[in-house]
PDB file of N, CA and C in Angstrom:
ATOM      1  N   MET A   1      17.811 136.720-102.041  1.00  0.00           N
ATOM      2  CA  MET A   1      16.798 136.092-102.754  1.00  0.00           C
ATOM      3  C   MET A   1      16.093 136.908-103.877  1.00  0.00           C
ATOM      4  N   ASN A   2      16.093 138.142-103.764  1.00  0.00           N
ATOM      5  CA  ASN A   2      15.594 139.013-104.838  1.00  0.00           C
ATOM      6  C   ASN A   2      16.662 138.913-106.119  1.00  0.00           C
ATOM      7  N   ASP A   3      17.843 138.793-105.784  1.00  0.00           N
ATOM      8  CA  ASP A   3      18.794 138.562-107.030  1.00  0.00           C
ATOM      9  C   ASP A   3      18.513 137.398-107.602  1.00  0.00           C
ATOM     10  N   HIS A   4      18.273 136.315-106.886  1.00  0.00           N
ATOM     11  CA  HIS A   4      18.075 134.958-107.536  1.00  0.00           C
ATOM     12  C   HIS A   4      16.752 135.067-108.394  1.00  0.00           C
ATOM     13  N   LYS A   5      15.775 135.709-107.928  1.00  0.00           N
ATOM     14  CA  LYS A   5      14.574 135.874-108.672  1.00  0.00           C
ATOM     15  C   LYS A   5      14.885 136.749-109.965  1.00  0.00           C
ATOM     16  N   ASN A   6      15.674 137.842-109.995  1.00  0.00           N
ATOM     17  CA  ASN A   6      15.903 138.607-111.007  1.00  0.00           C
ATOM     18  C   ASN A   6      16.823 137.751-112.078  1.00  0.00           C
ATOM     19  N   LEU A   7      17.616 136.880-111.663  1.00  0.00           N
ATOM     20  CA  LEU A   7      18.474 136.110-112.527  1.00  0.00           C
ATOM     21  C   LEU A   7      17.430 135.183-113.167  1.00  0.00           C
ATOM     22  N   GLU A   8      16.534 134.559-112.575  1.00  0.00           N
ATOM     23  CA  GLU A   8      15.583 133.536-113.093  1.00  0.00           C
ATOM     24  C   GLU A   8      14.810 134.272-114.160  1.00  0.00           C
ATOM     25  N   LEU A   9      14.259 135.612-113.860  1.00  0.00           N
ATOM     26  CA  LEU A   9      13.481 136.310-114.860  1.00  0.00           C
ATOM     27  C   LEU A   9      14.327 136.621-116.026  1.00  0.00           C
ATOM     28  N   GLU A  10      15.584 137.057-115.916  1.00  0.00           N
ATOM     29  CA  GLU A  10      16.509 137.389-117.073  1.00  0.00           C
ATOM     30  C   GLU A  10      16.626 136.080-117.902  1.00  0.00           C
ATOM     31  N   LYS A  11      16.815 134.990-117.286  1.00  0.00           N
ATOM     32  CA  LYS A  11      16.963 133.774-118.042  1.00  0.00           C
ATOM     33  C   LYS A  11      15.763 133.463-118.791  1.00  0.00           C
ATOM     34  N   LEU A  12      14.571 133.557-118.179  1.00  0.00           N
ATOM     35  CA  LEU A  12      13.389 133.351-118.808  1.00  0.00           C
ATOM     36  C   LEU A  12      13.083 134.282-120.036  1.00  0.00           C
ATOM     37  N   SER A  13      13.480 135.500-119.871  1.00  0.00           N
ATOM     38  CA  SER A  13      13.290 136.409-120.883  1.00  0.00           C
ATOM     39  C   SER A  13      14.220 136.088-122.075  1.00  0.00           C
ATOM     40  N   SER A  14      15.406 135.617-121.797  1.00  0.00           N
ATOM     41  CA  SER A  14      16.418 135.319-122.804  1.00  0.00           C
ATOM     42  C   SER A  14      15.798 134.101-123.572  1.00  0.00           C
ATOM     43  N   GLN A  15      15.249 133.091-122.837  1.00  0.00           N
ATOM     44  CA  GLN A  15      14.694 131.899-123.440  1.00  0.00           C
ATOM     45  C   GLN A  15      13.402 132.326-124.408  1.00  0.00           C
ATOM     46  N   LEU A  16      12.547 133.110-123.789  1.00  0.00           N
ATOM     47  CA  LEU A  16      11.522 133.564-124.593  1.00  0.00           C
ATOM     48  C   LEU A  16      11.948 134.273-125.854  1.00  0.00           C
ATOM     49  N   GLN A  17      12.912 135.153-125.781  1.00  0.00           N
ATOM     50  CA  GLN A  17      13.427 135.857-126.919  1.00  0.00           C
ATOM     51  C   GLN A  17      13.992 134.790-127.893  1.00  0.00           C
ATOM     52  N   ALA A  18      14.777 133.781-127.523  1.00  0.00           N
ATOM     53  CA  ALA A  18      15.237 132.833-128.374  1.00  0.00           C
ATOM     54  C   ALA A  18      13.992 132.144-129.144  1.00  0.00           C
ATOM     55  N   ILE A  19      12.977 131.797-128.406  1.00  0.00           N
ATOM     56  CA  ILE A  19      11.838 131.056-129.058  1.00  0.00           C
ATOM     57  C   ILE A  19      11.250 132.060-130.129  1.00  0.00           C
ATOM     58  N   ALA A  20      11.142 133.459-129.762  1.00  0.00           N
ATOM     59  CA  ALA A  20      10.550 134.349-130.670  1.00  0.00           C
ATOM     60  C   ALA A  20      11.391 134.517-131.905  1.00  0.00           C
ATOM     61  N   THR A  21      12.619 134.402-131.750  1.00  0.00           N
ATOM     62  CA  THR A  21      13.569 134.511-132.862  1.00  0.00           C
ATOM     63  C   THR A  21      13.473 133.282-133.743  1.00  0.00           C
ATOM     64  N   VAL A  22      13.422 132.103-133.195  1.00  0.00           N
ATOM     65  CA  VAL A  22      13.258 130.768-133.975  1.00  0.00           C
ATOM     66  C   VAL A  22      11.871 130.941-134.707  1.00  0.00           C
ATOM     67  N   VAL A  23      10.738 131.273-134.081  1.00  0.00           N
ATOM     68  CA  VAL A  23       9.533 131.385-134.761  1.00  0.00           C
ATOM     69  C   VAL A  23       9.596 132.476-135.865  1.00  0.00           C
ATOM     70  N   GLY A  24      10.148 133.663-135.641  1.00  0.00           N
ATOM     71  CA  GLY A  24      10.350 134.610-136.648  1.00  0.00           C
ATOM     72  C   GLY A  24      11.118 134.160-137.854  1.00  0.00           C
ATOM     73  N   ASP A  25      12.271 133.437-137.557  1.00  0.00           N
ATOM     74  CA  ASP A  25      12.998 132.932-138.677  1.00  0.00           C
ATOM     75  C   ASP A  25      12.249 131.854-139.567  1.00  0.00           C
ATOM     76  N   THR A  26      11.493 131.127-138.741  1.00  0.00           N
ATOM     77  CA  THR A  26      10.538 130.032-139.528  1.00  0.00           C
ATOM     78  C   THR A  26       9.481 130.832-140.329  1.00  0.00           C
ATOM     79  N   VAL A  27       8.888 131.863-139.896  1.00  0.00           N
ATOM     80  CA  VAL A  27       7.945 132.624-140.574  1.00  0.00           C
ATOM     81  C   VAL A  27       8.693 133.153-141.894  1.00  0.00           C
ATOM     82  N   THR A  28       9.820 133.688-141.644  1.00  0.00           N
ATOM     83  CA  THR A  28      10.532 134.225-142.908  1.00  0.00           C
ATOM     84  C   THR A  28      10.806 133.211-143.918  1.00  0.00           C
ATOM     85  N   ALA A  29      11.194 132.015-143.396  1.00  0.00           N
ATOM     86  CA  ALA A  29      11.555 130.953-144.406  1.00  0.00           C
ATOM     87  C   ALA A  29      10.366 130.487-145.129  1.00  0.00           C
ATOM     88  N   CYS A  30       9.234 130.519-144.480  1.00  0.00           N
ATOM     89  CA  CYS A  30       7.849 130.052-145.049  1.00  0.00           C
ATOM     90  C   CYS A  30       7.070 131.089-145.723  1.00  0.00           C
ATOM     91  N   LYS A  31       7.641 132.248-145.872  1.00  0.00           N
ATOM     92  CA  LYS A  31       6.844 133.500-146.219  1.00  0.00           C
ATOM     93  C   LYS A  31       5.744 133.249-147.339  1.00  0.00           C
ATOM     94  N   ASP A  32       6.111 132.648-148.351  1.00  0.00           N
ATOM     95  CA  ASP A  32       5.109 132.454-149.437  1.00  0.00           C
ATOM     96  C   ASP A  32       4.563 131.067-149.567  1.00  0.00           C
ATOM     97  N   ASP A  33       4.771 130.207-148.531  1.00  0.00           N
ATOM     98  CA  ASP A  33       4.301 128.927-148.472  1.00  0.00           C
ATOM     99  C   ASP A  33       2.936 128.753-147.507  1.00  0.00           C
ATOM    100  N   THR A  34       1.742 128.980-147.988  1.00  0.00           N
ATOM    101  CA  THR A  34       0.587 128.958-147.074  1.00  0.00           C
ATOM    102  C   THR A  34       0.472 127.760-146.260  1.00  0.00           C
ATOM    103  N   VAL A  35       0.749 126.611-146.767  1.00  0.00           N
ATOM    104  CA  VAL A  35       0.627 125.349-146.166  1.00  0.00           C
ATOM    105  C   VAL A  35       1.539 125.284-145.050  1.00  0.00           C
ATOM    106  N   ALA A  36       2.805 125.595-145.232  1.00  0.00           N
ATOM    107  CA  ALA A  36       3.774 125.696-144.173  1.00  0.00           C
ATOM    108  C   ALA A  36       3.472 126.551-142.968  1.00  0.00           C
ATOM    109  N   LEU A  37       2.877 127.855-143.414  1.00  0.00           N
ATOM    110  CA  LEU A  37       2.635 128.740-142.405  1.00  0.00           C
ATOM    111  C   LEU A  37       1.468 128.217-141.507  1.00  0.00           C
ATOM    112  N   LEU A  38       0.374 127.612-142.237  1.00  0.00           N
ATOM    113  CA  LEU A  38      -0.601 126.883-141.471  1.00  0.00           C
ATOM    114  C   LEU A  38      -0.267 125.781-140.599  1.00  0.00           C
ATOM    115  N   ALA A  39       0.783 125.100-141.012  1.00  0.00           N
ATOM    116  CA  ALA A  39       1.303 124.121-140.040  1.00  0.00           C
ATOM    117  C   ALA A  39       1.979 124.742-138.954  1.00  0.00           C
ATOM    118  N   LEU A  40       2.643 125.828-139.168  1.00  0.00           N
ATOM    119  CA  LEU A  40       3.351 126.602-138.022  1.00  0.00           C
ATOM    120  C   LEU A  40       2.241 127.077-136.947  1.00  0.00           C
ATOM    121  N   LEU A  41       1.113 127.599-137.541  1.00  0.00           N
ATOM    122  CA  LEU A  41       0.107 128.160-136.759  1.00  0.00           C
ATOM    123  C   LEU A  41      -0.618 127.050-135.883  1.00  0.00           C
ATOM    124  N   ARG A  42      -0.651 125.798-136.580  1.00  0.00           N
ATOM    125  CA  ARG A  42      -1.236 124.624-135.783  1.00  0.00           C
ATOM    126  C   ARG A  42      -0.217 124.239-134.657  1.00  0.00           C
ATOM    127  N   GLN A  43       1.001 124.278-135.080  1.00  0.00           N
ATOM    128  CA  GLN A  43       1.927 123.763-134.017  1.00  0.00           C
ATOM    129  C   GLN A  43       1.875 124.799-132.816  1.00  0.00           C
ATOM    130  N   LEU A  44       1.835 126.122-133.105  1.00  0.00           N
ATOM    131  CA  LEU A  44       1.773 126.976-131.949  1.00  0.00           C
ATOM    132  C   LEU A  44       0.570 126.855-131.155  1.00  0.00           C
ATOM    133  N   GLU A  45      -0.668 126.702-131.798  1.00  0.00           N
ATOM    134  CA  GLU A  45      -1.792 126.531-131.193  1.00  0.00           C
ATOM    135  C   GLU A  45      -1.732 125.173-130.273  1.00  0.00           C
ATOM    136  N   GLN A  46      -1.179 124.193-130.808  1.00  0.00           N
ATOM    137  CA  GLN A  46      -1.022 122.992-129.980  1.00  0.00           C
ATOM    138  C   GLN A  46      -0.120 123.157-128.734  1.00  0.00           C
ATOM    139  N   LEU A  47       0.842 123.858-128.974  1.00  0.00           N
ATOM    140  CA  LEU A  47       1.786 124.096-127.817  1.00  0.00           C
ATOM    141  C   LEU A  47       1.053 125.052-126.678  1.00  0.00           C
ATOM    142  N   HIS A  48       0.379 125.941-127.232  1.00  0.00           N
ATOM    143  CA  HIS A  48      -0.431 126.795-126.289  1.00  0.00           C
ATOM    144  C   HIS A  48      -1.529 125.936-125.560  1.00  0.00           C
ATOM    145  N   ARG A  49      -2.140 125.114-126.137  1.00  0.00           N
ATOM    146  CA  ARG A  49      -3.089 124.213-125.591  1.00  0.00           C
ATOM    147  C   ARG A  49      -2.435 123.262-124.520  1.00  0.00           C
ATOM    148  N   GLU A  50      -1.260 122.704-124.906  1.00  0.00           N
ATOM    149  CA  GLU A  50      -0.629 121.716-123.927  1.00  0.00           C
ATOM    150  C   GLU A  50      -0.119 122.471-122.716  1.00  0.00           C
ATOM    151  N   ILE A  51       0.429 123.621-122.927  1.00  0.00           N
ATOM    152  CA  ILE A  51       0.820 124.415-121.772  1.00  0.00           C
ATOM    153  C   ILE A  51      -0.242 124.843-120.788  1.00  0.00           C
ATOM    154  N   ARG A  52      -1.287 125.345-121.590  1.00  0.00           N
ATOM    155  CA  ARG A  52      -2.515 125.889-120.778  1.00  0.00           C
ATOM    156  C   ARG A  52      -3.161 124.779-119.963  1.00  0.00           C
ATOM    157  N   ASP A  53      -3.370 123.569-120.637  1.00  0.00           N
ATOM    158  CA  ASP A  53      -4.140 122.478-120.061  1.00  0.00           C
ATOM    159  C   ASP A  53      -3.267 121.595-119.052  1.00  0.00           C
ATOM    160  N   GLY A  54      -1.944 121.833-119.215  1.00  0.00           N
ATOM    161  CA  GLY A  54      -1.031 120.944-118.448  1.00  0.00           C
ATOM    162  C   GLY A  54      -0.500 121.742-117.214  1.00  0.00           C
ATOM    163  N   VAL A  55       0.730 122.083-117.406  1.00  0.00           N
ATOM    164  CA  VAL A  55       1.563 122.692-116.311  1.00  0.00           C
ATOM    165  C   VAL A  55       0.954 123.999-115.856  1.00  0.00           C
ATOM    166  N   PHE A  56       0.298 124.773-116.637  1.00  0.00           N
ATOM    167  CA  PHE A  56      -0.186 126.134-116.312  1.00  0.00           C
ATOM    168  C   PHE A  56      -1.393 125.917-115.258  1.00  0.00           C
ATOM    169  N   GLN A  57      -2.289 124.938-115.570  1.00  0.00           N
ATOM    170  CA  GLN A  57      -3.362 124.720-114.701  1.00  0.00           C
ATOM    171  C   GLN A  57      -2.919 124.156-113.351  1.00  0.00           C
ATOM    172  N   GLU A  58      -1.843 123.245-113.471  1.00  0.00           N
ATOM    173  CA  GLU A  58      -1.273 122.745-112.128  1.00  0.00           C
ATOM    174  C   GLU A  58      -0.573 123.704-111.241  1.00  0.00           C
ATOM    175  N   SER A  59      -0.225 124.954-111.901  1.00  0.00           N
ATOM    176  CA  SER A  59       0.569 125.887-111.187  1.00  0.00           C
ATOM    177  C   SER A  59      -0.367 127.032-110.630  1.00  0.00           C
ATOM    178  N   LEU A  60      -1.671 126.906-110.885  1.00  0.00           N
ATOM    179  CA  LEU A  60      -2.619 127.929-110.455  1.00  0.00           C
ATOM    180  C   LEU A  60      -2.624 128.243-109.016  1.00  0.00           C
ATOM    181  N   PRO A  61      -2.844 129.443-108.517  1.00  0.00           N
ATOM    182  CA  PRO A  61      -2.815 129.848-107.100  1.00  0.00           C
ATOM    183  C   PRO A  61      -3.573 128.866-106.283  1.00  0.00           C
ATOM    184  N   VAL A  62      -3.189 128.749-105.025  1.00  0.00           N
ATOM    185  CA  VAL A  62      -3.842 127.948-104.042  1.00  0.00           C
ATOM    186  C   VAL A  62      -4.396 128.758-102.898  1.00  0.00           C
ATOM    187  N   ASN A  63      -4.194 130.123-102.969  1.00  0.00           N
ATOM    188  CA  ASN A  63      -4.764 131.002-101.875  1.00  0.00           C
ATOM    189  C   ASN A  63      -5.101 132.310-102.634  1.00  0.00           C
ATOM    190  N   ARG A  64      -5.865 133.124-101.902  1.00  0.00           N
ATOM    191  CA  ARG A  64      -6.297 134.426-102.395  1.00  0.00           C
ATOM    192  C   ARG A  64      -5.071 135.337-102.605  1.00  0.00           C
ATOM    193  N   GLN A  65      -4.025 135.308-101.880  1.00  0.00           N
ATOM    194  CA  GLN A  65      -2.899 136.329-102.139  1.00  0.00           C
ATOM    195  C   GLN A  65      -2.257 135.871-103.341  1.00  0.00           C
ATOM    196  N   GLN A  66      -2.023 134.623-103.640  1.00  0.00           N
ATOM    197  CA  GLN A  66      -1.332 134.249-104.993  1.00  0.00           C
ATOM    198  C   GLN A  66      -2.340 134.584-106.124  1.00  0.00           C
ATOM    199  N   LEU A  67      -3.609 134.338-105.910  1.00  0.00           N
ATOM    200  CA  LEU A  67      -4.626 134.539-106.953  1.00  0.00           C
ATOM    201  C   LEU A  67      -4.542 136.222-107.154  1.00  0.00           C
ATOM    202  N   TYR A  68      -4.597 137.091-106.178  1.00  0.00           N
ATOM    203  CA  TYR A  68      -4.432 138.460-106.443  1.00  0.00           C
ATOM    204  C   TYR A  68      -3.222 138.806-107.229  1.00  0.00           C
ATOM    205  N   SER A  69      -2.080 138.189-106.803  1.00  0.00           N
ATOM    206  CA  SER A  69      -0.831 138.497-107.459  1.00  0.00           C
ATOM    207  C   SER A  69      -1.008 138.102-108.941  1.00  0.00           C
ATOM    208  N   LEU A  70      -1.505 136.947-109.222  1.00  0.00           N
ATOM    209  CA  LEU A  70      -1.587 136.530-110.636  1.00  0.00           C
ATOM    210  C   LEU A  70      -2.610 137.437-111.431  1.00  0.00           C
ATOM    211  N   LEU A  71      -3.643 137.841-110.840  1.00  0.00           N
ATOM    212  CA  LEU A  71      -4.625 138.727-111.543  1.00  0.00           C
ATOM    213  C   LEU A  71      -3.931 140.076-111.789  1.00  0.00           C
ATOM    214  N   LYS A  72      -3.159 140.522-110.822  1.00  0.00           N
ATOM    215  CA  LYS A  72      -2.507 141.905-110.907  1.00  0.00           C
ATOM    216  C   LYS A  72      -1.431 141.703-112.210  1.00  0.00           C
ATOM    217  N   ASP A  73      -0.689 140.705-112.168  1.00  0.00           N
ATOM    218  CA  ASP A  73       0.199 140.441-113.227  1.00  0.00           C
ATOM    219  C   ASP A  73      -0.471 140.377-114.673  1.00  0.00           C
ATOM    220  N   ILE A  74      -1.543 139.670-114.618  1.00  0.00           N
ATOM    221  CA  ILE A  74      -2.406 139.578-115.938  1.00  0.00           C
ATOM    222  C   ILE A  74      -2.859 140.907-116.468  1.00  0.00           C
ATOM    223  N   GLU A  75      -3.339 141.732-115.368  1.00  0.00           N
ATOM    224  CA  GLU A  75      -3.765 142.943-115.823  1.00  0.00           C
ATOM    225  C   GLU A  75      -2.687 144.079-116.410  1.00  0.00           C
ATOM    226  N   SER A  76      -1.478 143.859-115.636  1.00  0.00           N
ATOM    227  CA  SER A  76      -0.469 144.892-115.972  1.00  0.00           C
ATOM    228  C   SER A  76       0.309 144.451-117.146  1.00  0.00           C
ATOM    229  N   GLU A  77       0.452 143.180-117.367  1.00  0.00           N
ATOM    230  CA  GLU A  77       1.219 142.739-118.500  1.00  0.00           C
ATOM    231  C   GLU A  77       0.536 142.395-119.803  1.00  0.00           C
ATOM    232  N   GLY A  78      -0.788 142.826-119.924  1.00  0.00           N
ATOM    233  CA  GLY A  78      -1.415 142.669-121.221  1.00  0.00           C
ATOM    234  C   GLY A  78      -2.610 141.787-121.346  1.00  0.00           C
ATOM    235  N   GLY A  79      -3.094 141.188-120.334  1.00  0.00           N
ATOM    236  CA  GLY A  79      -4.272 140.348-120.476  1.00  0.00           C
ATOM    237  C   GLY A  79      -3.938 138.900-120.543  1.00  0.00           C
ATOM    238  N   TRP A  80      -4.920 138.182-120.733  1.00  0.00           N
ATOM    239  CA  TRP A  80      -4.971 136.665-120.977  1.00  0.00           C
ATOM    240  C   TRP A  80      -4.492 136.366-122.256  1.00  0.00           C
ATOM    241  N   PRO A  81      -3.499 135.330-122.284  1.00  0.00           N
ATOM    242  CA  PRO A  81      -2.968 134.947-123.728  1.00  0.00           C
ATOM    243  C   PRO A  81      -4.108 134.155-124.493  1.00  0.00           C
ATOM    244  N   TYR A  82      -4.226 134.492-125.666  1.00  0.00           N
ATOM    245  CA  TYR A  82      -5.303 133.839-126.575  1.00  0.00           C
ATOM    246  C   TYR A  82      -4.722 133.743-127.934  1.00  0.00           C
ATOM    247  N   ILE A  83      -5.030 132.551-128.524  1.00  0.00           N
ATOM    248  CA  ILE A  83      -4.588 132.412-129.949  1.00  0.00           C
ATOM    249  C   ILE A  83      -5.955 132.541-130.692  1.00  0.00           C
ATOM    250  N   GLU A  84      -6.121 133.616-131.522  1.00  0.00           N
ATOM    251  CA  GLU A  84      -7.450 133.762-132.192  1.00  0.00           C
ATOM    252  C   GLU A  84      -7.293 133.011-133.601  1.00  0.00           C
ATOM    253  N   ARG A  85      -8.299 132.481-133.947  1.00  0.00           N
ATOM    254  CA  ARG A  85      -8.371 131.760-135.188  1.00  0.00           C
ATOM    255  C   ARG A  85      -8.991 132.736-136.250  1.00  0.00           C
ATOM    256  N   MET A  86      -8.513 132.832-137.403  1.00  0.00           N
ATOM    257  CA  MET A  86      -9.104 133.664-138.486  1.00  0.00           C
ATOM    258  C   MET A  86     -10.521 133.100-138.702  1.00  0.00           C
ATOM    259  N   ARG A  87     -11.418 134.040-138.823  1.00  0.00           N
ATOM    260  CA  ARG A  87     -12.749 133.746-139.254  1.00  0.00           C
ATOM    261  C   ARG A  87     -12.784 133.437-140.776  1.00  0.00           C
ATOM    262  N   LEU A  88     -13.850 132.550-141.035  1.00  0.00           N
ATOM    263  CA  LEU A  88     -13.947 132.253-142.465  1.00  0.00           C
ATOM    264  C   LEU A  88     -14.165 133.436-143.370  1.00  0.00           C
ATOM    265  N   GLN A  89     -15.021 134.368-143.013  1.00  0.00           N
ATOM    266  CA  GLN A  89     -15.256 135.597-143.659  1.00  0.00           C
ATOM    267  C   GLN A  89     -14.099 136.465-143.978  1.00  0.00           C
ATOM    268  N   ALA A  90     -13.165 136.609-142.824  1.00  0.00           N
ATOM    269  CA  ALA A  90     -12.011 137.302-143.115  1.00  0.00           C
ATOM    270  C   ALA A  90     -10.921 136.586-143.994  1.00  0.00           C
ATOM    271  N   PHE A  91     -10.987 135.259-143.949  1.00  0.00           N
ATOM    272  CA  PHE A  91     -10.176 134.413-144.834  1.00  0.00           C
ATOM    273  C   PHE A  91     -10.520 134.626-146.284  1.00  0.00           C
ATOM    274  N   LEU A  92     -11.873 134.551-146.523  1.00  0.00           N
ATOM    275  CA  LEU A  92     -12.437 134.700-147.849  1.00  0.00           C
ATOM    276  C   LEU A  92     -12.212 136.256-148.332  1.00  0.00           C
ATOM    277  N   ALA A  93     -12.227 137.155-147.374  1.00  0.00           N
ATOM    278  CA  ALA A  93     -11.978 138.605-147.944  1.00  0.00           C
ATOM    279  C   ALA A  93     -10.637 138.647-148.362  1.00  0.00           C
ATOM    280  N   ASN A  94      -9.641 137.931-148.070  1.00  0.00           N
ATOM    281  CA  ASN A  94      -8.369 138.002-148.523  1.00  0.00           C
ATOM    282  C   ASN A  94      -8.015 137.366-149.808  1.00  0.00           C
ATOM    283  N   LEU A  95      -8.995 136.551-150.263  1.00  0.00           N
ATOM    284  CA  LEU A  95      -8.719 135.943-151.560  1.00  0.00           C
ATOM    285  C   LEU A  95      -8.983 136.936-152.708  1.00  0.00           C
ATOM    286  N   PRO A  96      -8.171 136.701-153.740  1.00  0.00           N
ATOM    287  CA  PRO A  96      -8.386 137.659-154.854  1.00  0.00           C
ATOM    288  C   PRO A  96      -9.734 137.485-155.599  1.00  0.00           C
ATOM    289  N   GLN A  97     -10.329 138.626-155.812  1.00  0.00           N
ATOM    290  CA  GLN A  97     -11.687 138.538-156.517  1.00  0.00           C
ATOM    291  C   GLN A  97     -11.488 138.310-157.968  1.00  0.00           C
ATOM    292  N   GLU A  98     -12.328 137.312-158.491  1.00  0.00           N
ATOM    293  CA  GLU A  98     -12.404 137.045-159.841  1.00  0.00           C
ATOM    294  C   GLU A  98     -13.237 138.092-160.553  1.00  0.00           C
ATOM    295  N   ARG A  99     -12.891 138.425-161.706  1.00  0.00           N
ATOM    296  CA  ARG A  99     -13.725 139.246-162.483  1.00  0.00           C
ATOM    297  C   ARG A  99     -14.753 138.441-163.242  1.00  0.00           C
ATOM    298  N   PRO A 100     -16.002 139.007-163.360  1.00  0.00           N
ATOM    299  CA  PRO A 100     -16.989 138.149-164.101  1.00  0.00           C
ATOM    300  C   PRO A 100     -16.673 137.905-165.544  1.00  0.00           C
ATOM    301  N   GLU A 101     -15.957 138.704-166.165  1.00  0.00           N
ATOM    302  CA  GLU A 101     -15.635 138.479-167.637  1.00  0.00           C
ATOM    303  C   GLU A 101     -14.677 137.283-167.774  1.00  0.00           C
ATOM    304  N   GLU A 102     -13.879 137.252-166.728  1.00  0.00           N
ATOM    305  CA  GLU A 102     -12.807 136.067-166.749  1.00  0.00           C
ATOM    306  C   GLU A 102     -13.668 134.632-166.589  1.00  0.00           C
ATOM    307  N   ASN A 103     -14.629 134.749-165.751  1.00  0.00           N
ATOM    308  CA  ASN A 103     -15.371 133.498-165.568  1.00  0.00           C
ATOM    309  C   ASN A 103     -16.241 133.188-166.770  1.00  0.00           C
ATOM    310  N   ASN A 104     -16.830 134.052-167.389  1.00  0.00           N
ATOM    311  CA  ASN A 104     -17.470 133.854-168.745  1.00  0.00           C
ATOM    312  C   ASN A 104     -16.621 133.415-169.737  1.00  0.00           C
ATOM    313  N   HIS A 105     -15.350 133.981-169.852  1.00  0.00           N
ATOM    314  CA  HIS A 105     -14.442 133.422-170.910  1.00  0.00           C
ATOM    315  C   HIS A 105     -14.044 132.069-170.615  1.00  0.00           C
ATOM    316  N   GLU A 106     -13.770 131.727-169.352  1.00  0.00           N
ATOM    317  CA  GLU A 106     -13.310 130.306-169.072  1.00  0.00           C
ATOM    318  C   GLU A 106     -14.435 129.367-169.380  1.00  0.00           C
ATOM    319  N   VAL A 107     -15.636 129.678-169.094  1.00  0.00           N
ATOM    320  CA  VAL A 107     -16.854 128.787-169.369  1.00  0.00           C
ATOM    321  C   VAL A 107     -16.927 128.553-170.888  1.00  0.00           C
ATOM    322  N   LEU A 108     -16.996 129.772-171.603  1.00  0.00           N
ATOM    323  CA  LEU A 108     -16.901 129.627-173.125  1.00  0.00           C
ATOM    324  C   LEU A 108     -15.867 128.590-173.558  1.00  0.00           C
ATOM    325  N   GLU A 109     -14.658 128.822-173.096  1.00  0.00           N
ATOM    326  CA  GLU A 109     -13.420 128.085-173.626  1.00  0.00           C
ATOM    327  C   GLU A 109     -13.654 126.548-173.208  1.00  0.00           C
ATOM    328  N   SER A 110     -14.288 126.222-172.030  1.00  0.00           N
ATOM    329  CA  SER A 110     -14.483 124.920-171.724  1.00  0.00           C
ATOM    330  C   SER A 110     -15.574 124.281-172.529  1.00  0.00           C
ATOM    331  N   ASP A 111     -16.611 125.022-172.898  1.00  0.00           N
ATOM    332  CA  ASP A 111     -17.730 124.676-173.779  1.00  0.00           C
ATOM    333  C   ASP A 111     -17.339 124.251-175.145  1.00  0.00           C
ATOM    334  N   ARG A 112     -16.384 125.116-175.631  1.00  0.00           N
ATOM    335  CA  ARG A 112     -15.756 124.781-177.012  1.00  0.00           C
ATOM    336  C   ARG A 112     -14.978 123.556-177.023  1.00  0.00           C
ATOM    337  N   SER A 113     -14.245 123.287-175.905  1.00  0.00           N
ATOM    338  CA  SER A 113     -13.551 121.952-175.863  1.00  0.00           C
ATOM    339  C   SER A 113     -14.258 120.778-175.837  1.00  0.00           C
ATOM    340  N   LEU A 114     -15.528 120.946-175.252  1.00  0.00           N
ATOM    341  CA  LEU A 114     -16.379 119.829-175.058  1.00  0.00           C
ATOM    342  C   LEU A 114     -17.164 119.505-176.426  1.00  0.00           C
ATOM    343  N   SER A 115     -17.156 120.475-177.455  1.00  0.00           N
ATOM    344  CA  SER A 115     -17.841 120.335-178.765  1.00  0.00           C
ATOM    345  C   SER A 115     -17.003 119.343-179.657  1.00  0.00           C
TER     346      SER A 115
END
């Protein structure tokens, strides 16, 4: 029975690696396309939500021993999975800063075109 469990874990590990490879390839293909990368992040978040709110909740432990085992696994394997959203301030911090003289020059050019 232990061999069967090991084979299942190896199969799962292989499947997770295949998913990681596909996601990595998609990231590489979308490298300079912010809209596509945002769509990828949204899809990953949606998948996370569907798994968490569906089959994961249905599979939660029904007794203390199973709960202890789950908590032990969470602690030893890196904590609770979470998809963090970028905060607006961090997003804005990554935008290129405009120099004040460029803004003044653009305003002067637009004023001239209105004359």
